C-alpha cells in the first residue's frame, strides 16, 4: 500500500468535520493537500465521496482554503453534484468566480433544490442575460417567486425571506390543521409557527406548534391565535428586521407586503447571518476599507483603501502645517520635538476609541439625533480628562 493510499484510508475512517478541521477548528493542511491531489488526478470518485458528506458550510471552508484554479476544477469535476448552496457561505469574489464559470443549465438545476433566499443570493449578482436564461429553465412557479424576490431592494427582508411556511384559514379547527400537517407532502422541513390568514391571504395572527398540540381538536384556529405584532414589511432593511427579531426574541417572523398579505418568513438562521454580515460591515467601515473580502485581488483591495488613506493624508498635512507655525518655538525647545510622536500616537488612539464606540452606537441605533449632543459632550470631556492626566504622566 502506498503512502497516498494509506492516507486516503485514514481520511475515509473519520467523520467529515474531523477530516476537514484540526482540534483548534482550523482547516487541515494535509487534507487540503489530499483534495488537491485528487483534483490534479481528476479523481472524480474520490472527490464525490469526500464532498458528498460535507455540510454546505464545511464545503465553503474547503473552497476558501483551495487555490483559485483548484476551486474551479473541483466545481467542474463535480458538475451537477456540486452543492451550489455552499456558495452562500463564501466570499463574494469566490462565489462569482465559480458561478460565472458554471453552465447556466447546471445552475438552473441546482437552484430548483435551494431555499428561495439562497437561490436569490446566488442569482442576484449575475448578468441580466444569465439571470434570464437560468430563470427560463425553471418551473413556472419557482421562476415567478425568484423574479418577484429579485424586484425587492438589495439587503431587504424580501431578499432574505423564505417562501416555505404553513398558513391555514382562520375558520379551520385544530383537528383540521393537524390532519393537514400529517397529510400534506409539500411542507417546510422545519417550522415552529402556523400562520392564520383570511380569505385574501392577509395575515391575521399566528399559532405556535405547542398551542396546536395542547388545544382541543374542535377549537378554532381563530380562537387560539395570537396577534403577530412584529410582522416585517417586505421592503424593510435586513438589519432593521434583524434588530426587531433580536429585540423580541423571535425564532421566526412573518414577512408581509404593502397590503399586509403574507409573502414569506424570516428564520432565525438567516437573521444570524444578517447580524454577522452587518457587524463585519461596521468593523470594515471603522477601518475605512469598504466591503473588502480576503479573496479580492490586489488592485480591488488597493482601490477600496485609497479614499480613507487620502483623507488621512489630508489631515496629516493639516497637522504638519500647524506644527510648521511653531517651528521657531520648537528650535528653541528641542524637547517639544521629542514629544511630537507621543502626541500623534495618543491622539490617534483616543480618536480610535471614540470612533469605535460611536460606530457601534450607530449600528445598534443607540445613537440618534436626541442624544447626539450629549454623546459629543461626553466624549469631548473624556478626551480632555485623559489628555490632562497623560500630560501630567509624561
Protein backbone atom coordinates (compact mmCIF):
# COMPACT_ATOMS: atom_id res chain seq x y z
CA UNK A 1 0.00 0.00 0.00
CA UNK A 2 1.42 3.41 -0.99
CA UNK A 3 1.65 6.36 1.36
CA UNK A 4 -1.12 8.10 -0.61
CA UNK A 5 -3.43 5.07 -0.37
CA UNK A 6 -2.74 4.81 3.38
CA UNK A 7 -3.62 8.50 3.82
CA UNK A 8 -6.85 8.09 1.83
CA UNK A 9 -7.82 5.16 4.06
CA UNK A 10 -7.15 7.24 7.19
CA UNK A 11 -9.32 10.10 5.91
CA UNK A 12 -12.11 7.70 4.99
CA UNK A 13 -12.16 6.28 8.52
CA UNK A 14 -13.02 9.56 10.27
CA UNK A 15 -16.03 11.89 10.19
CA UNK A 16 -16.20 14.77 7.68
CA UNK A 17 -15.59 17.52 10.25
CA UNK A 18 -12.58 15.68 11.69
CA UNK A 19 -11.19 15.26 8.19
CA UNK A 20 -11.50 18.95 7.43
CA UNK A 21 -10.65 20.61 10.77
CA UNK A 22 -7.94 20.09 13.37
CA UNK A 23 -8.57 20.25 17.12
CA UNK A 24 -8.47 24.07 17.02
CA UNK A 25 -11.13 24.27 14.32
CA UNK A 26 -8.63 25.27 11.60
CA UNK A 27 -8.78 23.70 8.14
CA UNK A 28 -6.16 20.94 7.98
CA UNK A 29 -3.30 21.45 5.56
CA UNK A 30 -2.79 17.74 4.95
CA UNK A 31 -6.44 17.32 3.99
CA UNK A 32 -6.24 20.26 1.59
CA UNK A 33 -3.21 18.60 0.02
CA UNK A 34 -5.17 15.34 -0.22
CA UNK A 35 -8.10 17.04 -2.01
CA UNK A 36 -5.68 18.98 -4.20
CA UNK A 37 -4.02 15.73 -5.28
CA UNK A 38 -7.43 14.22 -6.15
CA UNK A 39 -8.24 17.31 -8.21
CA UNK A 40 -4.88 17.11 -10.02
CA UNK A 41 -5.51 13.42 -10.78
CA UNK A 42 -9.10 14.21 -11.85
CA UNK A 43 -10.22 11.52 -9.40
CA UNK A 44 -13.94 12.23 -9.57
CA UNK A 45 -14.95 9.22 -7.47
CA UNK A 46 -12.78 10.32 -4.54
CA UNK A 47 -13.99 13.91 -4.79
CA UNK A 48 -17.64 12.85 -4.87
CA UNK A 49 -17.15 10.68 -1.80
CA UNK A 50 -15.35 13.46 0.08
CA UNK A 51 -17.71 16.31 -0.80
CA UNK A 52 -20.99 14.38 -0.56
CA UNK A 53 -20.77 14.15 3.23
CA UNK A 54 -19.87 17.79 3.83
CA UNK A 55 -22.33 20.33 5.19
CA UNK A 56 -22.56 23.39 2.93
CA UNK A 57 -20.60 25.50 5.45
CA UNK A 58 -17.83 22.86 5.55
CA UNK A 59 -17.67 22.77 1.77
CA UNK A 60 -17.44 26.57 1.82
CA UNK A 61 -14.43 26.42 4.15
CA UNK A 62 -12.83 23.86 1.85
CA UNK A 63 -13.39 26.10 -1.19
CA UNK A 64 -11.86 29.11 0.54
CA UNK A 65 -8.80 27.06 1.54
CA UNK A 66 -8.16 25.79 -2.01
CA UNK A 67 -6.25 27.71 -4.66
CA UNK A 68 -8.39 29.54 -7.27
CA UNK A 69 -7.58 27.02 -10.03
CA UNK A 70 -8.41 24.14 -7.69
CA UNK A 71 -11.80 25.65 -6.79
CA UNK A 72 -12.74 25.96 -10.43
CA UNK A 73 -11.54 22.44 -11.21
CA UNK A 74 -13.46 20.99 -8.24
CA UNK A 75 -16.71 22.62 -9.36
CA UNK A 76 -16.24 21.41 -12.94
CA UNK A 77 -15.30 17.85 -11.95
CA UNK A 78 -18.32 17.50 -9.67
CA UNK A 79 -20.66 19.10 -12.20
CA UNK A 80 -24.30 18.71 -11.16
CA UNK A 81 -23.24 17.09 -7.87
CA UNK A 82 -21.55 20.29 -6.70
CA UNK A 83 -23.62 21.77 -3.83
CA UNK A 84 -24.31 25.30 -5.04
CA UNK A 85 -25.69 26.24 -1.61
CA UNK A 86 -22.12 26.26 -0.31
CA UNK A 87 -21.52 29.42 -2.34
CA UNK A 88 -23.83 31.34 0.00
CA UNK A 89 -21.18 30.87 2.70
CA UNK A 90 -18.08 32.07 0.78
CA UNK A 91 -16.67 35.48 -0.14
CA UNK A 92 -18.46 37.29 -2.94
CA UNK A 93 -15.43 37.15 -5.23
CA UNK A 94 -15.20 33.34 -4.90
CA UNK A 95 -18.95 32.93 -5.44
CA UNK A 96 -18.93 34.99 -8.64
CA UNK A 97 -15.76 33.28 -9.85
CA UNK A 98 -17.35 29.82 -9.62
CA UNK A 99 -20.90 30.69 -10.69
CA UNK A 100 -19.78 32.58 -13.79
CA UNK A 101 -17.74 29.57 -14.89
CA UNK A 102 -20.58 27.08 -14.43
CA UNK A 103 -23.03 26.24 -17.25
CA UNK A 104 -26.36 28.01 -16.79
CA UNK A 105 -28.22 24.72 -17.11
CA UNK A 106 -26.33 23.28 -14.10
CA UNK A 107 -27.09 26.42 -12.08
CA UNK A 108 -30.78 26.21 -13.00
CA UNK A 109 -30.97 22.58 -11.91
CA UNK A 110 -29.22 23.32 -8.59
CA UNK A 111 -31.37 26.38 -7.86
CA UNK A 112 -34.56 24.29 -8.01
CA UNK A 113 -33.49 22.41 -4.87
CA UNK A 114 -32.49 25.53 -2.90
CA UNK A 115 -34.40 27.76 -0.49
CA UNK A 116 -35.74 30.93 -2.10
CA UNK A 117 -33.36 33.26 -0.26
CA UNK A 118 -30.33 31.14 -1.18
CA UNK A 119 -31.40 30.99 -4.83
CA UNK A 120 -31.81 34.77 -4.92
CA UNK A 121 -28.42 35.20 -3.25
CA UNK A 122 -26.78 33.14 -5.99
CA UNK A 123 -28.55 34.85 -8.89
CA UNK A 124 -28.66 38.49 -7.81
CA UNK A 125 -25.10 39.37 -8.86
CA UNK A 126 -25.18 37.63 -12.25
CA UNK A 127 -25.56 39.48 -15.54
CA UNK A 128 -29.14 40.11 -16.57
CA UNK A 129 -28.81 37.84 -19.61
CA UNK A 130 -27.55 34.95 -17.49
CA UNK A 131 -30.35 35.53 -14.97
CA UNK A 132 -32.99 35.39 -17.68
CA UNK A 133 -31.55 32.23 -19.22
CA UNK A 134 -31.39 30.46 -15.85
CA UNK A 135 -34.89 31.58 -14.87
CA UNK A 136 -36.28 30.42 -18.21
CA UNK A 137 -35.16 26.88 -17.33
CA UNK A 138 -37.06 26.83 -14.03
CA UNK A 139 -40.62 25.62 -13.44
CA UNK A 140 -43.17 28.45 -13.74
CA UNK A 141 -43.99 28.72 -10.03
CA UNK A 142 -40.36 28.84 -8.89
CA UNK A 143 -39.49 31.31 -11.63
CA UNK A 144 -42.23 33.70 -10.53
CA UNK A 145 -41.14 33.52 -6.88
CA UNK A 146 -37.50 34.25 -7.67
CA UNK A 147 -38.35 37.04 -10.11
CA UNK A 148 -40.55 38.70 -7.51
CA UNK A 149 -37.83 38.39 -4.85
CA UNK A 150 -35.29 39.96 -7.21
CA UNK A 151 -37.53 43.03 -7.55
CA UNK A 152 -37.16 43.82 -3.85
CA UNK A 153 -34.35 46.19 -2.79
CA UNK A 154 -30.96 44.66 -2.04
CA UNK A 155 -30.37 43.88 1.65
CA UNK A 156 -34.11 43.98 2.31
CA UNK A 157 -36.28 41.47 4.14
CA UNK A 158 -37.75 40.42 0.79
CA UNK A 159 -34.34 39.24 -0.39
CA UNK A 160 -33.74 37.32 2.85
CA UNK A 161 -37.14 35.70 3.40
CA UNK A 162 -38.04 32.08 2.77
CA UNK A 163 -41.19 31.26 0.81
CA UNK A 164 -41.86 27.97 2.61
CA UNK A 165 -44.25 28.39 5.53
CA UNK A 166 -47.50 26.94 6.86
CA UNK A 167 -50.65 29.06 6.61
CA UNK A 168 -54.24 27.99 7.28
CA UNK A 169 -57.65 29.72 7.15
CA UNK A 170 -58.91 31.24 10.38
CA UNK A 171 -62.11 29.15 10.29
CA UNK A 172 -60.22 25.84 10.38
CA UNK A 173 -60.31 23.80 13.56
CA UNK A 174 -57.25 22.47 15.33
CA UNK A 175 -58.23 18.97 14.16
CA UNK A 176 -58.33 20.06 10.52
CA UNK A 177 -54.94 21.74 10.92
CA UNK A 178 -53.34 18.65 12.46
CA UNK A 179 -54.74 16.43 9.71
CA UNK A 180 -53.41 18.85 7.11
CA UNK A 181 -49.94 18.79 8.68
CA UNK A 182 -49.95 14.98 8.64
CA UNK A 183 -51.19 14.56 5.08
CA UNK A 184 -49.63 17.46 3.17
CA UNK A 185 -46.39 16.49 1.43
CA UNK A 186 -45.19 19.98 0.47
CA UNK A 187 -44.45 21.35 3.93
CA UNK A 188 -41.25 23.06 5.12
CA UNK A 189 -38.65 20.75 6.64
CA UNK A 190 -38.72 22.75 9.88
CA UNK A 191 -41.21 25.27 11.28
CA UNK A 192 -42.40 26.34 14.71
CA UNK A 193 -45.39 28.51 13.86
CA UNK A 194 -48.58 28.18 11.84
CA UNK A 195 -49.83 31.45 10.37
CA UNK A 196 -53.53 32.26 10.26
CA UNK A 197 -54.78 34.15 7.20
CA UNK A 198 -58.09 35.50 5.93
CA UNK A 199 -59.60 34.65 2.51
CA UNK A 200 -57.44 37.36 0.90
CA UNK A 201 -54.31 35.83 2.48
CA UNK A 202 -53.90 38.80 4.79
CA UNK A 203 -52.07 37.89 7.98
CA UNK A 204 -54.37 37.87 10.99
CA UNK A 205 -52.24 36.01 13.54
CA UNK A 206 -50.07 33.02 14.33
CA UNK A 207 -50.27 29.88 16.45
CA UNK A 208 -47.25 28.19 18.00
CA UNK A 209 -46.99 24.44 17.49
CA UNK A 210 -47.19 23.76 21.23
CA UNK A 211 -50.56 25.57 21.31
CA UNK A 212 -51.85 23.36 18.50
CA UNK A 213 -50.81 20.20 20.36
CA UNK A 214 -52.43 21.33 23.62
CA UNK A 215 -55.72 22.63 22.20
CA UNK A 216 -58.88 20.58 21.66
CA UNK A 217 -59.47 19.33 18.12
CA UNK A 218 -62.75 21.22 17.93
CA UNK A 219 -61.16 24.57 18.83
CA UNK A 220 -60.99 27.15 16.04
CA UNK A 221 -57.60 28.45 14.95
CA UNK A 222 -59.11 31.93 15.15
CA UNK A 223 -59.73 31.40 18.87
CA UNK A 224 -56.23 30.25 19.83
CA UNK A 225 -54.17 32.52 17.58
CA UNK A 226 -52.10 35.41 18.90
CA UNK A 227 -51.51 38.65 17.04
CA UNK A 228 -48.26 38.99 15.10
CA UNK A 229 -47.38 42.50 16.26
CA UNK A 230 -43.91 42.28 14.77
CA UNK A 231 -44.62 41.37 11.16
CA UNK A 232 -41.79 42.51 8.90
CA UNK A 233 -42.59 44.69 5.84
CA UNK A 234 -41.09 43.11 2.74
CA UNK A 235 -39.09 46.27 1.85
CA UNK A 236 -37.65 46.77 5.35
CA UNK A 237 -33.86 46.84 5.55
CA UNK A 238 -32.49 43.47 6.63
CA UNK A 239 -30.52 44.99 9.51
CA UNK A 240 -33.62 46.65 10.94
CA UNK A 241 -35.56 43.39 10.57
CA UNK A 242 -32.80 41.50 12.37
CA UNK A 243 -32.84 44.03 15.22
CA UNK A 244 -36.61 43.59 15.64
CA UNK A 245 -36.24 39.82 15.85
CA UNK A 246 -33.35 40.19 18.28
CA UNK A 247 -35.26 42.69 20.45
CA UNK A 248 -38.35 40.49 20.78
CA UNK A 249 -36.52 37.12 20.86
CA UNK A 250 -38.34 35.81 17.79
CA UNK A 251 -37.42 32.45 16.26
CA UNK A 252 -39.18 33.44 13.05
CA UNK A 253 -41.12 36.42 11.77
CA UNK A 254 -43.82 36.80 9.14
CA UNK A 255 -42.98 38.98 6.13
CA UNK A 256 -45.89 40.92 4.62
CA UNK A 257 -46.30 43.05 1.50
CA UNK A 258 -47.78 46.54 1.28
CA UNK A 259 -51.29 45.04 1.53
CA UNK A 260 -50.46 43.04 4.68
CA UNK A 261 -50.58 39.78 2.75
CA UNK A 262 -48.28 37.03 3.95
CA UNK A 263 -45.48 36.52 1.41
CA UNK A 264 -42.69 34.83 3.36
CA UNK A 265 -40.92 34.13 6.62
CA UNK A 266 -37.65 35.32 8.12
CA UNK A 267 -35.98 32.49 10.02
CA UNK A 268 -33.50 32.81 12.85
CA UNK A 269 -30.65 31.23 10.88
CA UNK A 270 -30.99 33.90 8.19
CA UNK A 271 -31.09 36.63 10.84
CA UNK A 272 -27.87 35.35 12.42
CA UNK A 273 -26.21 35.65 9.01
CA UNK A 274 -27.50 39.22 8.67
CA UNK A 275 -26.23 40.22 12.12
CA UNK A 276 -22.82 38.78 11.34
CA UNK A 277 -22.65 40.48 7.95
CA UNK A 278 -23.70 43.85 9.34
CA UNK A 279 -21.20 43.57 12.21
CA UNK A 280 -18.41 42.81 9.74
CA UNK A 281 -19.53 45.74 7.59
CA UNK A 282 -19.40 48.10 10.58
CA UNK A 283 -15.92 46.91 11.51
CA UNK A 284 -14.69 47.42 7.95
CA UNK A 285 -16.21 50.90 7.85
CA UNK A 286 -14.47 51.70 11.11
CA UNK A 287 -11.12 50.97 9.45
CA UNK A 288 -12.14 52.64 6.19
CA UNK A 289 -11.69 49.57 3.97
CA UNK A 290 -15.19 49.37 2.43
CA UNK A 291 -16.64 45.94 1.67
CA UNK A 292 -13.27 44.29 1.15
CA UNK A 293 -13.03 40.48 1.06
CA UNK A 294 -9.98 38.30 1.71
CA UNK A 295 -10.36 36.84 -1.77
CA UNK A 296 -10.22 40.25 -3.51
CA UNK A 297 -7.22 40.86 -5.76
CA UNK A 298 -4.52 43.47 -5.13
CA UNK A 299 -5.99 46.13 -7.42
CA UNK A 300 -9.51 45.93 -5.95
CA UNK A 301 -8.16 45.97 -2.40
CA UNK A 302 -5.90 48.96 -3.07
CA UNK A 303 -8.80 50.89 -4.66
CA UNK A 304 -11.10 50.23 -1.69
CA UNK A 305 -8.50 51.51 0.80
CA UNK A 306 -7.37 54.55 -1.19
CA UNK A 307 -10.13 57.07 -0.23
CA UNK A 308 -9.64 56.66 3.52
CA UNK A 309 -5.84 56.87 3.19
CA UNK A 310 -6.27 60.04 1.10
CA UNK A 311 -8.39 61.62 3.84
CA UNK A 312 -5.78 60.64 6.42
CA UNK A 313 -3.09 62.21 4.25
CA UNK A 314 -5.01 65.50 4.12
CA UNK A 315 -5.48 65.59 7.90
CA UNK A 316 -1.80 64.74 8.40
CA UNK A 317 -0.84 67.64 6.11
CA UNK A 318 -3.05 69.97 8.17
CA UNK A 319 -1.34 68.77 11.34
CA UNK A 320 2.07 69.27 9.77
CA UNK A 321 1.08 72.82 8.77
CA UNK A 322 0.08 73.60 12.33
CA UNK A 323 3.40 72.25 13.60
CA UNK A 324 5.20 74.36 10.99
CA UNK A 325 3.70 77.51 12.52
CA UNK A 326 5.62 76.76 15.70
CA UNK A 327 8.95 75.79 14.15
CA UNK A 328 10.73 78.71 15.84
CA UNK A 329 9.46 77.59 19.24
CA UNK A 330 10.50 74.00 18.54
CA UNK A 331 14.02 75.18 17.56
CA UNK A 332 14.34 76.90 20.91
CA UNK A 333 12.93 73.94 22.87
CA UNK A 334 14.09 70.71 21.20
CA UNK A 335 12.27 68.65 23.85
CA UNK A 336 8.98 69.53 22.16
CA UNK A 337 10.07 67.68 19.01
CA UNK A 338 10.79 64.59 21.10
CA UNK A 339 7.19 64.68 22.40
CA UNK A 340 5.57 65.04 18.97
CA UNK A 341 5.36 61.27 18.23
CA UNK A 342 3.72 60.75 21.64
CA UNK A 343 1.12 63.42 20.92
CA UNK A 344 0.33 61.94 17.50
CA UNK A 345 0.12 58.39 18.84
CA UNK A 346 -2.04 59.25 21.84
CA UNK A 347 -4.32 61.44 19.74
CA UNK A 348 -4.79 58.66 17.19
CA UNK A 349 -5.56 56.06 19.84
CA UNK A 350 -8.02 58.34 21.62
CA UNK A 351 -9.75 59.04 18.31
CA UNK A 352 -9.97 55.33 17.51
CA UNK A 353 -11.57 54.62 20.90
CA UNK A 354 -14.19 57.32 20.37
CA UNK A 355 -14.85 56.23 16.80
CA UNK A 356 -15.26 52.58 17.84
CA UNK A 357 -17.86 53.43 20.48
CA UNK A 358 -19.67 55.80 18.12
CA UNK A 359 -19.82 53.37 15.19
CA UNK A 360 -21.14 50.65 17.47
CA UNK A 361 -23.81 53.04 18.85
CA UNK A 362 -24.83 53.94 15.29
CA UNK A 363 -25.02 50.27 14.30
CA UNK A 364 -27.23 49.37 17.29
CA UNK A 365 -29.28 52.59 16.85
CA UNK A 366 -28.39 53.70 20.39
CA UNK A 367 -27.11 56.99 18.95
CA UNK A 368 -29.70 59.31 17.41
CA UNK A 369 -30.47 62.99 16.99
CA UNK A 370 -31.87 63.22 20.51
CA UNK A 371 -28.74 62.13 22.37
CA UNK A 372 -26.04 63.11 19.85
CA UNK A 373 -25.18 66.39 21.63
CA UNK A 374 -24.84 64.62 24.98
CA UNK A 375 -22.59 61.92 23.48
CA UNK A 376 -20.38 64.52 21.77
CA UNK A 377 -20.07 66.48 25.03
CA UNK A 378 -19.28 63.27 26.94
CA UNK A 379 -16.56 62.18 24.50
CA UNK A 380 -15.03 65.67 24.48
CA UNK A 381 -14.84 65.71 28.28
CA UNK A 382 -13.36 62.20 28.32
CA UNK A 383 -10.73 63.27 25.79
CA UNK A 384 -9.90 66.41 27.79
CA UNK A 385 -9.66 64.48 31.08
CA UNK A 386 -7.43 61.74 29.66
CA UNK A 387 -5.33 64.38 27.87
CA UNK A 388 -4.65 66.23 31.12
CA UNK A 389 -3.92 63.03 33.04
CA UNK A 390 -1.45 61.65 30.49
CA UNK A 391 0.14 65.08 30.01
CA UNK A 392 1.00 65.05 33.71
CA UNK A 393 2.24 61.43 33.47
CA UNK A 394 4.51 62.21 30.51
